[in-house]
Amino acid sequence: MGKKGKIKSGNLGKSLIRDRFNSSRNKRNVDSSMLHTTELNDGYDWGRLNLQSVTEENSFQEFLSTAELAGTEFHAEKLNIKFVNPKTGIGLLSKDEKEKVLESQNKNKTLLKIPRRPKWDSSTTAHELQSKEREEFLEWRRSLSMLQETEGLMLTPYEKNLEFWRQLWRVVERSDIVVQIVDARNPLLFRCEDLESYVKEVDSKKMNIILINKADFLTEEQRQIWAEYFTNIKLKVAFFSAILAVEKEKLKDIIEEDYSENEQNSDIENDDSDKSLYTSEFASESEYESADDGSNNVNIENEKKSKL
């Protein structure tokens, strides 16, 4: 056994320091090809997009999101209290009020548009485009808020997340055909006419198609009426039903099974016919052989008689 030397004080600290600096020195010399993709961080970051749908916000959240889009800073003000009556706008409308609301809706119908993407080209930088998109989206939200305040209109919940509209802009720009899927029970309720206009604004060569889903709820006559309606307004229309598609697939499977069974039966019949032909040929050959044997016997008997 060798004699153990004395452990010097402070060796542990020196070894830790040495390990730390040596590891950092070695990391500098490491080839970049040996690094993991998560360390390089050169791939597309799918988590950076905020794709959470936002259709309703309270007044405070709406104020914060508007301030964030505008890029402004604000400070809290104390002792600035304003009482709001929560009972305003509650209750049933009278007949005159309903007529005024309908008149106001028809008057401001053209102002209810989807946000447009600002014009850009190859010289536009990403930062410039993003800032323009935020400004355009902010103006769009302000115009809708002004409609609610000045005209007293009550808007249905709409998407307030800019990332969702960016996805729509990119889809419209990169697509040759834009399909709107509407419900067959009320196609006009789910159809967005302004989207069709925006598609043509981006490129007049792009095509709009209306796909009426759940077409099994409609009779053949109703489908014909809807087809004539959309044809008259120069829109292509198609009908789709998941139930009918499933039934067609089942019918197709049944036909294929019947066809395969018929093929198997025909193969079996062909085998039987081949066997019968083979047996008949074999029987005919045996008959010829027996006939030959008979003639040979007759010849032998004639030869014997001639000798006698």
C-alpha atoms as a PDB file:
ATOM      1  CA  MET A   1       0.000   0.000   0.000  1.00  0.00           C
ATOM      2  CA  GLY A   2       1.389   3.363  -0.914  1.00  0.00           C
ATOM      3  CA  LYS A   3       1.573   6.079   1.631  1.00  0.00           C
ATOM      4  CA  LYS A   4      -1.134   8.692   1.243  1.00  0.00           C
ATOM      5  CA  GLY A   5       0.056  12.239   1.037  1.00  0.00           C
ATOM      6  CA  LYS A   6      -1.460  15.061   2.944  1.00  0.00           C
ATOM      7  CA  ILE A   7      -4.316  16.932   1.277  1.00  0.00           C
ATOM      8  CA  LYS A   8      -3.355  20.539   0.938  1.00  0.00           C
ATOM      9  CA  SER A   9      -5.886  23.128   1.941  1.00  0.00           C
ATOM     10  CA  GLY A  10      -7.416  25.109  -0.917  1.00  0.00           C
ATOM     11  CA  ASN A  11      -6.961  22.399  -3.552  1.00  0.00           C
ATOM     12  CA  LEU A  12     -10.726  21.967  -3.930  1.00  0.00           C
ATOM     13  CA  GLY A  13     -11.247  25.624  -4.736  1.00  0.00           C
ATOM     14  CA  LYS A  14      -8.389  25.651  -7.245  1.00  0.00           C
ATOM     15  CA  SER A  15      -9.732  22.571  -9.014  1.00  0.00           C
ATOM     16  CA  LEU A  16     -13.181  24.140  -9.325  1.00  0.00           C
ATOM     17  CA  ILE A  17     -11.723  27.333 -10.768  1.00  0.00           C
ATOM     18  CA  ARG A  18      -9.503  25.363 -13.137  1.00  0.00           C
ATOM     19  CA  ASP A  19     -12.453  23.271 -14.316  1.00  0.00           C
ATOM     20  CA  ARG A  20     -14.563  26.334 -14.906  1.00  0.00           C
ATOM     21  CA  PHE A  21     -12.037  28.205 -17.017  1.00  0.00           C
ATOM     22  CA  ASN A  22     -10.864  25.133 -18.883  1.00  0.00           C
ATOM     23  CA  SER A  23     -14.431  24.236 -19.828  1.00  0.00           C
ATOM     24  CA  SER A  24     -15.051  27.744 -21.155  1.00  0.00           C
ATOM     25  CA  ARG A  25     -11.812  27.581 -23.130  1.00  0.00           C
ATOM     26  CA  ASN A  26     -12.803  24.224 -24.591  1.00  0.00           C
ATOM     27  CA  LYS A  27     -16.246  25.498 -25.571  1.00  0.00           C
ATOM     28  CA  ARG A  28     -14.673  28.189 -27.707  1.00  0.00           C
ATOM     29  CA  ASN A  29     -12.780  25.595 -29.711  1.00  0.00           C
ATOM     30  CA  VAL A  30     -15.792  23.301 -30.223  1.00  0.00           C
ATOM     31  CA  ASP A  31     -16.826  22.921 -33.838  1.00  0.00           C
ATOM     32  CA  SER A  32     -20.249  24.400 -34.579  1.00  0.00           C
ATOM     33  CA  SER A  33     -21.268  21.154 -36.270  1.00  0.00           C
ATOM     34  CA  MET A  34     -21.062  19.409 -32.890  1.00  0.00           C
ATOM     35  CA  LEU A  35     -23.689  21.695 -31.347  1.00  0.00           C
ATOM     36  CA  HIS A  36     -27.332  20.685 -31.008  1.00  0.00           C
ATOM     37  CA  THR A  37     -30.012  22.476 -33.003  1.00  0.00           C
ATOM     38  CA  THR A  38     -31.510  23.877 -29.813  1.00  0.00           C
ATOM     39  CA  GLU A  39     -28.167  25.493 -29.024  1.00  0.00           C
ATOM     40  CA  LEU A  40     -27.805  26.972 -32.498  1.00  0.00           C
ATOM     41  CA  ASN A  41     -31.365  28.400 -32.431  1.00  0.00           C
ATOM     42  CA  ASP A  42     -31.361  28.718 -36.209  1.00  0.00           C
ATOM     43  CA  GLY A  43     -34.679  26.987 -36.913  1.00  0.00           C
ATOM     44  CA  TYR A  44     -38.170  28.426 -37.227  1.00  0.00           C
ATOM     45  CA  ASP A  45     -39.607  29.274 -33.824  1.00  0.00           C
ATOM     46  CA  TRP A  46     -43.204  28.029 -34.011  1.00  0.00           C
ATOM     47  CA  GLY A  47     -43.849  29.077 -30.446  1.00  0.00           C
ATOM     48  CA  ARG A  48     -43.301  32.753 -31.149  1.00  0.00           C
ATOM     49  CA  LEU A  49     -46.752  33.172 -32.730  1.00  0.00           C
ATOM     50  CA  ASN A  50     -49.566  34.089 -30.379  1.00  0.00           C
ATOM     51  CA  LEU A  51     -52.407  32.159 -31.997  1.00  0.00           C
ATOM     52  CA  GLN A  52     -54.811  32.386 -29.077  1.00  0.00           C
ATOM     53  CA  SER A  53     -58.166  33.600 -30.324  1.00  0.00           C
ATOM     54  CA  VAL A  54     -59.420  36.808 -28.698  1.00  0.00           C
ATOM     55  CA  THR A  55     -63.016  37.712 -29.541  1.00  0.00           C
ATOM     56  CA  GLU A  56     -64.156  39.421 -26.350  1.00  0.00           C
ATOM     57  CA  GLU A  57     -62.308  41.770 -24.000  1.00  0.00           C
ATOM     58  CA  ASN A  58     -63.371  43.863 -21.074  1.00  0.00           C
ATOM     59  CA  SER A  59     -62.752  47.602 -21.143  1.00  0.00           C
ATOM     60  CA  PHE A  60     -59.453  47.362 -19.262  1.00  0.00           C
ATOM     61  CA  GLN A  61     -58.024  44.603 -21.478  1.00  0.00           C
ATOM     62  CA  GLU A  62     -59.149  46.460 -24.591  1.00  0.00           C
ATOM     63  CA  PHE A  63     -57.450  49.613 -23.341  1.00  0.00           C
ATOM     64  CA  LEU A  64     -54.187  47.757 -22.678  1.00  0.00           C
ATOM     65  CA  SER A  65     -54.185  45.987 -26.050  1.00  0.00           C
ATOM     66  CA  THR A  66     -54.915  49.255 -27.878  1.00  0.00           C
ATOM     67  CA  ALA A  67     -52.093  50.990 -26.021  1.00  0.00           C
ATOM     68  CA  GLU A  68     -49.737  48.127 -26.863  1.00  0.00           C
ATOM     69  CA  LEU A  69     -50.624  48.325 -30.561  1.00  0.00           C
ATOM     70  CA  ALA A  70     -50.093  52.078 -30.557  1.00  0.00           C
ATOM     71  CA  GLY A  71     -46.756  51.655 -28.795  1.00  0.00           C
ATOM     72  CA  THR A  72     -47.579  54.359 -26.257  1.00  0.00           C
ATOM     73  CA  GLU A  73     -46.644  54.536 -22.601  1.00  0.00           C
ATOM     74  CA  PHE A  74     -49.147  55.556 -19.974  1.00  0.00           C
ATOM     75  CA  HIS A  75     -49.177  56.210 -16.258  1.00  0.00           C
ATOM     76  CA  ALA A  76     -51.890  55.609 -13.706  1.00  0.00           C
ATOM     77  CA  GLU A  77     -53.859  58.618 -12.508  1.00  0.00           C
ATOM     78  CA  LYS A  78     -55.291  58.488  -9.031  1.00  0.00           C
ATOM     79  CA  LEU A  79     -58.485  60.105  -7.757  1.00  0.00           C
ATOM     80  CA  ASN A  80     -59.875  60.268 -11.306  1.00  0.00           C
ATOM     81  CA  ILE A  81     -63.188  58.498 -10.726  1.00  0.00           C
ATOM     82  CA  LYS A  82     -66.045  58.248 -13.201  1.00  0.00           C
ATOM     83  CA  PHE A  83     -69.305  56.483 -12.399  1.00  0.00           C
ATOM     84  CA  VAL A  84     -70.868  54.468 -15.209  1.00  0.00           C
ATOM     85  CA  ASN A  85     -74.465  53.324 -15.134  1.00  0.00           C
ATOM     86  CA  PRO A  86     -74.384  49.558 -15.824  1.00  0.00           C
ATOM     87  CA  LYS A  87     -78.097  49.458 -16.685  1.00  0.00           C
ATOM     88  CA  THR A  88     -77.760  51.398 -19.934  1.00  0.00           C
ATOM     89  CA  GLY A  89     -78.508  49.360 -23.047  1.00  0.00           C
ATOM     90  CA  ILE A  90     -80.396  46.684 -21.140  1.00  0.00           C
ATOM     91  CA  GLY A  91     -83.928  45.582 -21.996  1.00  0.00           C
ATOM     92  CA  LEU A  92     -86.095  44.976 -25.044  1.00  0.00           C
ATOM     93  CA  LEU A  93     -86.234  47.482 -27.886  1.00  0.00           C
ATOM     94  CA  SER A  94     -89.455  49.127 -28.910  1.00  0.00           C
ATOM     95  CA  LYS A  95     -90.713  49.054 -32.487  1.00  0.00           C
ATOM     96  CA  ASP A  96     -89.343  52.530 -33.274  1.00  0.00           C
ATOM     97  CA  GLU A  97     -85.955  51.660 -31.745  1.00  0.00           C
ATOM     98  CA  LYS A  98     -85.750  48.479 -33.842  1.00  0.00           C
ATOM     99  CA  GLU A  99     -86.431  50.461 -37.013  1.00  0.00           C
ATOM    100  CA  LYS A 100     -83.710  52.971 -36.086  1.00  0.00           C
ATOM    101  CA  VAL A 101     -81.235  50.165 -35.429  1.00  0.00           C
ATOM    102  CA  LEU A 102     -81.995  48.508 -38.782  1.00  0.00           C
ATOM    103  CA  GLU A 103     -81.646  51.850 -40.557  1.00  0.00           C
ATOM    104  CA  SER A 104     -78.313  52.489 -38.838  1.00  0.00           C
ATOM    105  CA  GLN A 105     -77.071  48.993 -39.709  1.00  0.00           C
ATOM    106  CA  ASN A 106     -77.909  49.404 -43.397  1.00  0.00           C
ATOM    107  CA  LYS A 107     -76.321  52.848 -43.405  1.00  0.00           C
ATOM    108  CA  ASN A 108     -73.014  51.684 -41.914  1.00  0.00           C
ATOM    109  CA  LYS A 109     -72.919  48.267 -43.550  1.00  0.00           C
ATOM    110  CA  THR A 110     -70.052  49.238 -45.851  1.00  0.00           C
ATOM    111  CA  LEU A 111     -67.917  50.300 -42.868  1.00  0.00           C
ATOM    112  CA  LEU A 112     -67.897  46.784 -41.416  1.00  0.00           C
ATOM    113  CA  LYS A 113     -64.872  45.441 -43.257  1.00  0.00           C
ATOM    114  CA  ILE A 114     -62.077  43.030 -42.526  1.00  0.00           C
ATOM    115  CA  PRO A 115     -58.695  44.698 -41.943  1.00  0.00           C
ATOM    116  CA  ARG A 116     -56.511  45.109 -45.010  1.00  0.00           C
ATOM    117  CA  ARG A 117     -52.820  44.367 -45.151  1.00  0.00           C
ATOM    118  CA  PRO A 118     -50.807  47.475 -46.076  1.00  0.00           C
ATOM    119  CA  LYS A 119     -49.078  47.548 -49.446  1.00  0.00           C
ATOM    120  CA  TRP A 120     -45.524  46.216 -49.495  1.00  0.00           C
ATOM    121  CA  ASP A 121     -42.835  45.228 -51.978  1.00  0.00           C
ATOM    122  CA  SER A 122     -39.374  43.665 -52.026  1.00  0.00           C
ATOM    123  CA  SER A 123     -37.777  46.856 -50.691  1.00  0.00           C
ATOM    124  CA  THR A 124     -39.974  46.880 -47.548  1.00  0.00           C
ATOM    125  CA  THR A 125     -38.165  45.612 -44.475  1.00  0.00           C
ATOM    126  CA  ALA A 126     -39.758  43.252 -41.965  1.00  0.00           C
ATOM    127  CA  HIS A 127     -39.745  45.917 -39.244  1.00  0.00           C
ATOM    128  CA  GLU A 128     -41.448  48.463 -41.503  1.00  0.00           C
ATOM    129  CA  LEU A 129     -44.091  45.964 -42.570  1.00  0.00           C
ATOM    130  CA  GLN A 130     -44.863  44.925 -38.992  1.00  0.00           C
ATOM    131  CA  SER A 131     -45.215  48.539 -37.845  1.00  0.00           C
ATOM    132  CA  LYS A 132     -47.521  49.315 -40.792  1.00  0.00           C
ATOM    133  CA  GLU A 133     -49.614  46.245 -40.022  1.00  0.00           C
ATOM    134  CA  ARG A 134     -50.004  47.333 -36.394  1.00  0.00           C
ATOM    135  CA  GLU A 135     -51.011  50.845 -37.453  1.00  0.00           C
ATOM    136  CA  GLU A 136     -53.536  49.556 -39.987  1.00  0.00           C
ATOM    137  CA  PHE A 137     -55.007  47.112 -37.477  1.00  0.00           C
ATOM    138  CA  LEU A 138     -55.206  49.826 -34.805  1.00  0.00           C
ATOM    139  CA  GLU A 139     -57.077  52.161 -37.165  1.00  0.00           C
ATOM    140  CA  TRP A 140     -59.478  49.347 -38.031  1.00  0.00           C
ATOM    141  CA  ARG A 141     -60.262  48.692 -34.363  1.00  0.00           C
ATOM    142  CA  ARG A 142     -60.706  52.402 -33.692  1.00  0.00           C
ATOM    143  CA  SER A 143     -63.173  52.733 -36.568  1.00  0.00           C
ATOM    144  CA  LEU A 144     -65.270  49.884 -35.159  1.00  0.00           C
ATOM    145  CA  SER A 145     -65.175  51.454 -31.692  1.00  0.00           C
ATOM    146  CA  MET A 146     -66.333  54.768 -33.163  1.00  0.00           C
ATOM    147  CA  LEU A 147     -69.272  52.991 -34.780  1.00  0.00           C
ATOM    148  CA  GLN A 148     -70.302  51.599 -31.425  1.00  0.00           C
ATOM    149  CA  GLU A 149     -69.986  54.952 -29.656  1.00  0.00           C
ATOM    150  CA  THR A 150     -71.434  57.371 -32.221  1.00  0.00           C
ATOM    151  CA  GLU A 151     -74.039  55.221 -33.957  1.00  0.00           C
ATOM    152  CA  GLY A 152     -74.955  53.143 -30.918  1.00  0.00           C
ATOM    153  CA  LEU A 153     -74.468  49.862 -32.760  1.00  0.00           C
ATOM    154  CA  MET A 154     -73.840  46.616 -30.922  1.00  0.00           C
ATOM    155  CA  LEU A 155     -71.198  44.617 -32.798  1.00  0.00           C
ATOM    156  CA  THR A 156     -70.988  40.853 -32.601  1.00  0.00           C
ATOM    157  CA  PRO A 157     -67.725  39.428 -31.173  1.00  0.00           C
ATOM    158  CA  TYR A 158     -64.896  39.640 -33.703  1.00  0.00           C
ATOM    159  CA  GLU A 159     -61.257  38.557 -33.740  1.00  0.00           C
ATOM    160  CA  LYS A 160     -58.984  41.044 -31.977  1.00  0.00           C
ATOM    161  CA  ASN A 161     -55.719  39.127 -32.275  1.00  0.00           C
ATOM    162  CA  LEU A 162     -53.517  40.579 -35.011  1.00  0.00           C
ATOM    163  CA  GLU A 163     -51.714  37.255 -35.594  1.00  0.00           C
ATOM    164  CA  PHE A 164     -54.934  35.636 -36.824  1.00  0.00           C
ATOM    165  CA  TRP A 165     -55.452  38.364 -39.408  1.00  0.00           C
ATOM    166  CA  ARG A 166     -51.826  38.035 -40.512  1.00  0.00           C
ATOM    167  CA  GLN A 167     -52.451  34.355 -41.198  1.00  0.00           C
ATOM    168  CA  LEU A 168     -55.485  35.285 -43.317  1.00  0.00           C
ATOM    169  CA  TRP A 169     -53.473  37.875 -45.272  1.00  0.00           C
ATOM    170  CA  ARG A 170     -50.749  35.366 -46.075  1.00  0.00           C
ATOM    171  CA  VAL A 171     -53.267  32.700 -47.124  1.00  0.00           C
ATOM    172  CA  VAL A 172     -55.034  35.116 -49.491  1.00  0.00           C
ATOM    173  CA  GLU A 173     -51.751  36.323 -51.003  1.00  0.00           C
ATOM    174  CA  ARG A 174     -50.396  32.815 -51.632  1.00  0.00           C
ATOM    175  CA  SER A 175     -53.608  31.119 -52.790  1.00  0.00           C
ATOM    176  CA  ASP A 176     -55.063  31.013 -56.282  1.00  0.00           C
ATOM    177  CA  ILE A 177     -58.457  29.803 -55.031  1.00  0.00           C
ATOM    178  CA  VAL A 178     -60.087  30.927 -51.769  1.00  0.00           C
ATOM    179  CA  VAL A 179     -62.909  28.700 -50.490  1.00  0.00           C
ATOM    180  CA  GLN A 180     -65.492  29.869 -47.965  1.00  0.00           C
ATOM    181  CA  ILE A 181     -67.205  27.033 -46.106  1.00  0.00           C
ATOM    182  CA  VAL A 182     -70.762  27.984 -45.135  1.00  0.00           C
ATOM    183  CA  ASP A 183     -73.562  26.106 -43.411  1.00  0.00           C
ATOM    184  CA  ALA A 184     -76.333  24.815 -45.659  1.00  0.00           C
ATOM    185  CA  ARG A 185     -79.008  25.819 -43.134  1.00  0.00           C
ATOM    186  CA  ASN A 186     -78.222  29.524 -43.667  1.00  0.00           C
ATOM    187  CA  PRO A 187     -75.421  30.103 -46.188  1.00  0.00           C
ATOM    188  CA  LEU A 188     -75.771  33.891 -46.301  1.00  0.00           C
ATOM    189  CA  LEU A 189     -75.309  34.194 -42.534  1.00  0.00           C
ATOM    190  CA  PHE A 190     -71.785  32.765 -42.671  1.00  0.00           C
ATOM    191  CA  ARG A 191     -70.738  34.233 -46.015  1.00  0.00           C
ATOM    192  CA  CYS A 192     -68.314  37.175 -45.889  1.00  0.00           C
ATOM    193  CA  GLU A 193     -68.785  39.389 -48.935  1.00  0.00           C
ATOM    194  CA  ASP A 194     -65.934  41.681 -47.944  1.00  0.00           C
ATOM    195  CA  LEU A 195     -63.500  38.753 -47.997  1.00  0.00           C
ATOM    196  CA  GLU A 196     -64.472  38.135 -51.622  1.00  0.00           C
ATOM    197  CA  SER A 197     -63.797  41.801 -52.389  1.00  0.00           C
ATOM    198  CA  TYR A 198     -60.430  41.666 -50.615  1.00  0.00           C
ATOM    199  CA  VAL A 199     -59.395  38.579 -52.615  1.00  0.00           C
ATOM    200  CA  LYS A 200     -60.080  40.449 -55.857  1.00  0.00           C
ATOM    201  CA  GLU A 201     -58.245  43.522 -54.536  1.00  0.00           C
ATOM    202  CA  VAL A 202     -55.106  41.461 -53.976  1.00  0.00           C
ATOM    203  CA  ASP A 203     -55.277  39.892 -57.452  1.00  0.00           C
ATOM    204  CA  SER A 204     -58.169  39.977 -59.900  1.00  0.00           C
ATOM    205  CA  LYS A 205     -57.146  36.537 -61.230  1.00  0.00           C
ATOM    206  CA  LYS A 206     -57.843  34.853 -57.890  1.00  0.00           C
ATOM    207  CA  MET A 207     -61.050  32.834 -57.640  1.00  0.00           C
ATOM    208  CA  ASN A 208     -63.701  32.742 -54.903  1.00  0.00           C
ATOM    209  CA  ILE A 209     -65.663  29.548 -54.267  1.00  0.00           C
ATOM    210  CA  ILE A 210     -68.559  28.953 -51.870  1.00  0.00           C
ATOM    211  CA  LEU A 211     -68.613  25.452 -50.376  1.00  0.00           C
ATOM    212  CA  ILE A 212     -72.002  24.657 -48.829  1.00  0.00           C
ATOM    213  CA  ASN A 213     -71.405  22.124 -46.065  1.00  0.00           C
ATOM    214  CA  LYS A 214     -74.031  19.736 -44.614  1.00  0.00           C
ATOM    215  CA  ALA A 215     -75.787  19.593 -47.965  1.00  0.00           C
ATOM    216  CA  ASP A 216     -77.742  16.534 -46.810  1.00  0.00           C
ATOM    217  CA  PHE A 217     -80.073  18.943 -44.974  1.00  0.00           C
ATOM    218  CA  LEU A 218     -81.193  20.340 -48.344  1.00  0.00           C
ATOM    219  CA  THR A 219     -83.460  18.764 -50.889  1.00  0.00           C
ATOM    220  CA  GLU A 220     -82.462  18.542 -54.525  1.00  0.00           C
ATOM    221  CA  GLU A 221     -84.775  21.444 -55.344  1.00  0.00           C
ATOM    222  CA  GLN A 222     -83.218  23.636 -52.628  1.00  0.00           C
ATOM    223  CA  ARG A 223     -79.729  22.852 -53.886  1.00  0.00           C
ATOM    224  CA  GLN A 224     -80.780  23.872 -57.371  1.00  0.00           C
ATOM    225  CA  ILE A 225     -82.157  27.184 -56.053  1.00  0.00           C
ATOM    226  CA  TRP A 226     -78.925  27.972 -54.172  1.00  0.00           C
ATOM    227  CA  ALA A 227     -76.843  26.991 -57.197  1.00  0.00           C
ATOM    228  CA  GLU A 228     -78.847  29.378 -59.401  1.00  0.00           C
ATOM    229  CA  TYR A 229     -78.557  32.160 -56.795  1.00  0.00           C
ATOM    230  CA  PHE A 230     -74.756  32.021 -56.571  1.00  0.00           C
ATOM    231  CA  THR A 231     -74.438  31.574 -60.329  1.00  0.00           C
ATOM    232  CA  ASN A 232     -76.439  34.767 -60.890  1.00  0.00           C
ATOM    233  CA  ILE A 233     -74.036  36.745 -58.686  1.00  0.00           C
ATOM    234  CA  LYS A 234     -71.077  35.176 -60.557  1.00  0.00           C
ATOM    235  CA  LEU A 235     -69.828  32.944 -57.761  1.00  0.00           C
ATOM    236  CA  LYS A 236     -68.869  29.308 -58.134  1.00  0.00           C
ATOM    237  CA  VAL A 237     -70.599  27.019 -55.651  1.00  0.00           C
ATOM    238  CA  ALA A 238     -70.106  23.418 -54.560  1.00  0.00           C
ATOM    239  CA  PHE A 239     -72.027  21.160 -52.181  1.00  0.00           C
ATOM    240  CA  PHE A 240     -70.549  18.740 -49.662  1.00  0.00           C
ATOM    241  CA  SER A 241     -71.970  16.342 -47.102  1.00  0.00           C
ATOM    242  CA  ALA A 242     -69.860  14.192 -44.803  1.00  0.00           C
ATOM    243  CA  ILE A 243     -72.729  11.742 -44.318  1.00  0.00           C
ATOM    244  CA  LEU A 244     -73.219  11.270 -48.049  1.00  0.00           C
ATOM    245  CA  ALA A 245     -69.463  10.892 -48.512  1.00  0.00           C
ATOM    246  CA  VAL A 246     -69.363   8.136 -45.880  1.00  0.00           C
ATOM    247  CA  GLU A 247     -72.315   6.390 -47.526  1.00  0.00           C
ATOM    248  CA  LYS A 248     -70.576   6.552 -50.902  1.00  0.00           C
ATOM    249  CA  GLU A 249     -67.439   5.017 -49.402  1.00  0.00           C
ATOM    250  CA  LYS A 250     -69.494   2.207 -47.860  1.00  0.00           C
ATOM    251  CA  LEU A 251     -71.272   1.588 -51.165  1.00  0.00           C
ATOM    252  CA  LYS A 252     -67.923   1.550 -52.949  1.00  0.00           C
ATOM    253  CA  ASP A 253     -66.567  -1.030 -50.488  1.00  0.00           C
ATOM    254  CA  ILE A 254     -69.654  -3.223 -50.976  1.00  0.00           C
ATOM    255  CA  ILE A 255     -69.296  -3.064 -54.769  1.00  0.00           C
ATOM    256  CA  GLU A 256     -65.595  -3.944 -54.547  1.00  0.00           C
ATOM    257  CA  GLU A 257     -66.353  -6.898 -52.264  1.00  0.00           C
ATOM    258  CA  ASP A 258     -69.051  -8.181 -54.639  1.00  0.00           C
ATOM    259  CA  TYR A 259     -66.708  -7.770 -57.582  1.00  0.00           C
ATOM    260  CA  SER A 260     -63.915  -9.699 -55.831  1.00  0.00           C
ATOM    261  CA  GLU A 261     -66.365 -12.488 -54.894  1.00  0.00           C
ATOM    262  CA  ASN A 262     -67.591 -12.721 -58.488  1.00  0.00           C
ATOM    263  CA  GLU A 263     -64.009 -12.931 -59.713  1.00  0.00           C
ATOM    264  CA  GLN A 264     -63.273 -15.753 -57.272  1.00  0.00           C
ATOM    265  CA  ASN A 265     -66.411 -17.634 -58.364  1.00  0.00           C
ATOM    266  CA  SER A 266     -65.513 -17.205 -62.034  1.00  0.00           C
ATOM    267  CA  ASP A 267     -62.001 -18.513 -61.339  1.00  0.00           C
ATOM    268  CA  ILE A 268     -63.470 -21.586 -59.632  1.00  0.00           C
ATOM    269  CA  GLU A 269     -65.836 -22.193 -62.570  1.00  0.00           C
ATOM    270  CA  ASN A 270     -62.954 -21.868 -65.017  1.00  0.00           C
ATOM    271  CA  ASP A 271     -60.963 -24.436 -63.036  1.00  0.00           C
ATOM    272  CA  ASP A 272     -63.927 -26.835 -63.116  1.00  0.00           C
ATOM    273  CA  SER A 273     -64.363 -26.402 -66.870  1.00  0.00           C
ATOM    274  CA  ASP A 274     -60.655 -27.027 -67.453  1.00  0.00           C
ATOM    275  CA  LYS A 275     -60.861 -30.213 -65.425  1.00  0.00           C
ATOM    276  CA  SER A 276     -63.919 -31.415 -67.367  1.00  0.00           C
ATOM    277  CA  LEU A 277     -62.159 -30.721 -70.659  1.00  0.00           C
ATOM    278  CA  TYR A 278     -59.122 -32.612 -69.466  1.00  0.00           C
ATOM    279  CA  THR A 279     -61.208 -35.594 -68.404  1.00  0.00           C
ATOM    280  CA  SER A 280     -63.145 -35.593 -71.688  1.00  0.00           C
ATOM    281  CA  GLU A 281     -59.918 -35.483 -73.681  1.00  0.00           C
ATOM    282  CA  PHE A 282     -58.501 -38.276 -71.601  1.00  0.00           C
ATOM    283  CA  ALA A 283     -61.645 -40.320 -72.157  1.00  0.00           C
ATOM    284  CA  SER A 284     -61.524 -39.773 -75.917  1.00  0.00           C
ATOM    285  CA  GLU A 285     -57.896 -40.852 -76.055  1.00  0.00           C
ATOM    286  CA  SER A 286     -58.708 -44.001 -74.118  1.00  0.00           C
ATOM    287  CA  GLU A 287     -61.545 -44.689 -76.549  1.00  0.00           C
ATOM    288  CA  TYR A 288     -59.138 -44.397 -79.476  1.00  0.00           C
ATOM    289  CA  GLU A 289     -56.732 -46.729 -77.725  1.00  0.00           C
ATOM    290  CA  SER A 290     -59.476 -49.275 -77.143  1.00  0.00           C
ATOM    291  CA  ALA A 291     -60.545 -48.969 -80.778  1.00  0.00           C
ATOM    292  CA  ASP A 292     -56.974 -49.559 -81.893  1.00  0.00           C
ATOM    293  CA  ASP A 293     -56.752 -52.622 -79.679  1.00  0.00           C
ATOM    294  CA  GLY A 294     -59.910 -54.010 -81.261  1.00  0.00           C
ATOM    295  CA  SER A 295     -58.607 -53.551 -84.799  1.00  0.00           C
ATOM    296  CA  ASN A 296     -55.341 -55.217 -83.887  1.00  0.00           C
ATOM    297  CA  ASN A 297     -57.189 -58.223 -82.517  1.00  0.00           C
ATOM    298  CA  VAL A 298     -59.193 -58.523 -85.756  1.00  0.00           C
ATOM    299  CA  ASN A 299     -56.025 -58.434 -87.841  1.00  0.00           C
ATOM    300  CA  ILE A 300     -54.405 -61.182 -85.752  1.00  0.00           C
ATOM    301  CA  GLU A 301     -57.439 -63.439 -86.143  1.00  0.00           C
ATOM    302  CA  ASN A 302     -57.442 -62.921 -89.945  1.00  0.00           C
ATOM    303  CA  GLU A 303     -53.764 -63.866 -90.130  1.00  0.00           C
ATOM    304  CA  LYS A 304     -54.437 -67.116 -88.224  1.00  0.00           C
ATOM    305  CA  LYS A 305     -57.264 -68.055 -90.590  1.00  0.00           C
ATOM    306  CA  SER A 306     -55.095 -67.454 -93.662  1.00  0.00           C
ATOM    307  CA  LYS A 307     -52.405 -69.799 -92.321  1.00  0.00           C
ATOM    308  CA  LEU A 308     -54.925 -72.550 -91.782  1.00  0.00           C
END
